[in-house]
Amino acid sequence: MAILTKASTIASVLTTELNSLADSTNSSASSALSYVVADSGHRYPLAHITLTLAAQGAARSSGAKVKVYAVCAADGTNYDDVEHTGATLLCSFNLDAVTTARQHSQWHIALPPSAFKIFVRNETGQAFAASGNLIELNYYSDDPRAS
């Protein structure tokens, strides 16, 4: 069995960028991408990604999803195109058709080996709440040399 080594802190990578995010909109289109996420030496190539959604004003549609993407900058400066084919889907959260606040997590998400930024696509059928929405990353490795 692999020994997991995790980074010491959980990073909140998207917070206010998600507030009032319209349906079928990328967070980068209506606000900003996350800050630059960089793992010096790529010691923690895996992540536990948590989505926290505040209660929405109207029920989500059937088949509602929130998709989390990364755009990379292999050179550390120029990021891939968000709106077209440059984004990499990291994970997708399936949600129920209610207004209730939700928190969902996914483990063992492979992270890019270069600097990257995160953005979200809202496919819930409703705008996100005006506050209380969050994407968090908890980095870890299954390589015992990462510590």
Protein backbone atom coordinates (compact mmCIF):
# COMPACT_ATOMS: atom_id res chain seq x y z
CA MET A 1 0.00 0.00 0.00
CA ALA A 2 1.33 3.44 -0.94
CA ILE A 3 2.16 5.96 1.75
CA LEU A 4 0.54 9.32 1.07
CA THR A 5 2.48 12.47 1.82
CA LYS A 6 0.47 15.66 1.81
CA ALA A 7 1.35 19.32 1.71
CA SER A 8 0.79 21.12 5.00
CA THR A 9 -2.04 23.41 3.94
CA ILE A 10 -5.23 23.39 1.94
CA ALA A 11 -5.23 26.09 -0.73
CA SER A 12 -8.37 28.08 -1.50
CA VAL A 13 -7.79 28.71 -5.20
CA LEU A 14 -11.17 30.21 -6.20
CA THR A 15 -13.35 32.17 -3.81
CA THR A 16 -14.97 35.47 -4.83
CA GLU A 17 -14.35 34.60 -8.51
CA LEU A 18 -17.24 32.12 -8.21
CA ASN A 19 -19.74 34.53 -6.66
CA SER A 20 -22.83 35.04 -8.86
CA LEU A 21 -21.17 33.08 -11.68
CA ALA A 22 -23.82 32.71 -14.39
CA ASP A 23 -24.87 29.34 -15.78
CA SER A 24 -22.78 28.04 -18.70
CA THR A 25 -20.03 30.53 -17.92
CA ASN A 26 -16.37 29.98 -17.19
CA SER A 27 -15.11 31.80 -14.13
CA SER A 28 -12.46 33.34 -16.36
CA ALA A 29 -15.11 34.85 -18.64
CA SER A 30 -17.01 36.66 -15.90
CA SER A 31 -14.17 37.36 -13.49
CA ALA A 32 -10.62 36.05 -13.12
CA LEU A 33 -8.73 32.80 -13.19
CA SER A 34 -7.25 31.58 -9.93
CA TYR A 35 -3.84 32.76 -8.88
CA VAL A 36 -0.85 30.85 -10.27
CA VAL A 37 -0.65 27.41 -8.73
CA ALA A 38 2.93 26.19 -8.78
CA ASP A 39 4.45 23.22 -6.99
CA SER A 40 8.19 23.72 -6.82
CA GLY A 41 9.76 20.55 -8.14
CA HIS A 42 6.31 18.94 -8.61
CA ARG A 43 6.60 17.27 -5.21
CA TYR A 44 2.82 16.92 -4.87
CA PRO A 45 1.45 15.83 -8.27
CA LEU A 46 -1.99 14.81 -6.96
CA ALA A 47 -4.84 16.74 -5.40
CA HIS A 48 -8.00 16.35 -3.41
CA ILE A 49 -10.32 18.99 -4.92
CA THR A 50 -13.27 20.26 -2.92
CA LEU A 51 -16.19 22.25 -4.29
CA THR A 52 -18.31 24.19 -1.82
CA LEU A 53 -21.48 25.77 -3.21
CA ALA A 54 -23.74 28.05 -1.21
CA ALA A 55 -27.50 27.58 -1.54
CA GLN A 56 -28.64 28.73 -4.95
CA GLY A 57 -31.67 30.97 -5.54
CA ALA A 58 -33.51 28.43 -7.70
CA ALA A 59 -33.26 24.68 -8.15
CA ARG A 60 -30.41 23.38 -10.25
CA SER A 61 -31.36 21.62 -13.47
CA SER A 62 -31.43 17.87 -13.83
CA GLY A 63 -27.91 16.71 -14.73
CA ALA A 64 -26.30 19.79 -13.15
CA LYS A 65 -22.49 19.82 -13.15
CA VAL A 66 -19.64 22.02 -12.07
CA LYS A 67 -16.47 21.37 -14.05
CA VAL A 68 -13.00 22.31 -12.83
CA TYR A 69 -10.32 23.04 -15.43
CA ALA A 70 -6.65 23.97 -15.47
CA VAL A 71 -4.76 26.06 -17.98
CA CYS A 72 -1.00 25.63 -18.04
CA ALA A 73 2.01 27.80 -18.71
CA ALA A 74 4.88 25.53 -19.61
CA ASP A 75 7.13 28.61 -19.82
CA GLY A 76 5.69 30.05 -16.58
CA THR A 77 4.31 33.11 -18.37
CA ASN A 78 1.97 32.35 -21.27
CA TYR A 79 -1.15 30.40 -20.31
CA ASP A 80 -3.16 28.15 -22.60
CA ASP A 81 -6.38 29.47 -24.12
CA VAL A 82 -9.28 29.17 -21.67
CA GLU A 83 -12.12 29.48 -24.13
CA HIS A 84 -11.06 26.84 -26.64
CA THR A 85 -8.94 23.71 -26.59
CA GLY A 86 -6.18 24.80 -24.22
CA ALA A 87 -7.98 23.91 -20.99
CA THR A 88 -7.60 20.54 -19.27
CA LEU A 89 -10.58 19.11 -17.39
CA LEU A 90 -9.41 18.14 -13.90
CA CYS A 91 -12.75 16.90 -12.55
CA SER A 92 -16.50 17.25 -12.80
CA PHE A 93 -18.93 17.40 -9.87
CA ASN A 94 -22.46 16.06 -10.41
CA LEU A 95 -25.14 17.90 -8.43
CA ASP A 96 -28.75 17.24 -7.57
CA ALA A 97 -31.67 19.34 -8.80
CA VAL A 98 -32.31 21.33 -5.59
CA THR A 99 -31.26 24.71 -4.16
CA THR A 100 -29.46 23.28 -1.13
CA ALA A 101 -25.83 24.16 -0.39
CA ARG A 102 -23.47 21.32 -1.25
CA GLN A 103 -19.88 20.25 -0.68
CA HIS A 104 -18.31 17.59 -2.89
CA SER A 105 -14.76 16.28 -3.11
CA GLN A 106 -12.75 14.18 -5.51
CA TRP A 107 -9.44 12.47 -4.79
CA HIS A 108 -6.49 11.46 -6.87
CA ILE A 109 -6.72 14.27 -9.41
CA ALA A 110 -3.51 14.48 -11.45
CA LEU A 111 -2.14 18.04 -11.54
CA PRO A 112 -0.17 19.56 -14.42
CA PRO A 113 3.65 19.39 -14.07
CA SER A 114 4.00 23.13 -14.74
CA ALA A 115 2.55 26.35 -13.38
CA PHE A 116 -1.21 26.45 -13.89
CA LYS A 117 -4.37 28.35 -13.06
CA ILE A 118 -7.80 26.96 -12.22
CA PHE A 119 -11.18 27.97 -13.56
CA VAL A 120 -14.70 26.61 -13.21
CA ARG A 121 -17.57 26.14 -15.65
CA ASN A 122 -21.04 26.44 -14.10
CA GLU A 123 -23.45 23.98 -15.75
CA THR A 124 -26.10 23.97 -13.01
CA GLY A 125 -28.84 25.82 -14.87
CA GLN A 126 -28.67 28.66 -12.31
CA ALA A 127 -26.25 31.36 -11.27
CA PHE A 128 -24.15 30.60 -8.21
CA ALA A 129 -25.02 32.40 -4.97
CA ALA A 130 -23.57 35.86 -4.36
CA SER A 131 -21.13 34.52 -1.74
CA GLY A 132 -19.97 31.35 -0.04
CA ASN A 133 -18.64 29.43 -3.07
CA LEU A 134 -15.18 27.89 -3.01
CA ILE A 135 -12.72 25.59 -4.78
CA GLU A 136 -9.97 24.18 -2.57
CA LEU A 137 -6.95 22.02 -3.41
CA ASN A 138 -5.21 19.75 -0.93
CA TYR A 139 -1.98 18.56 -2.54
CA TYR A 140 -0.46 15.16 -1.90
CA SER A 141 1.86 12.51 -3.31
CA ASP A 142 1.98 8.75 -3.19
CA ASP A 143 5.78 8.95 -3.38
CA PRO A 144 7.30 8.73 0.13
CA ARG A 145 10.25 10.86 -1.07
CA ALA A 146 7.90 13.89 -1.41
CA SER A 147 8.10 14.76 2.29
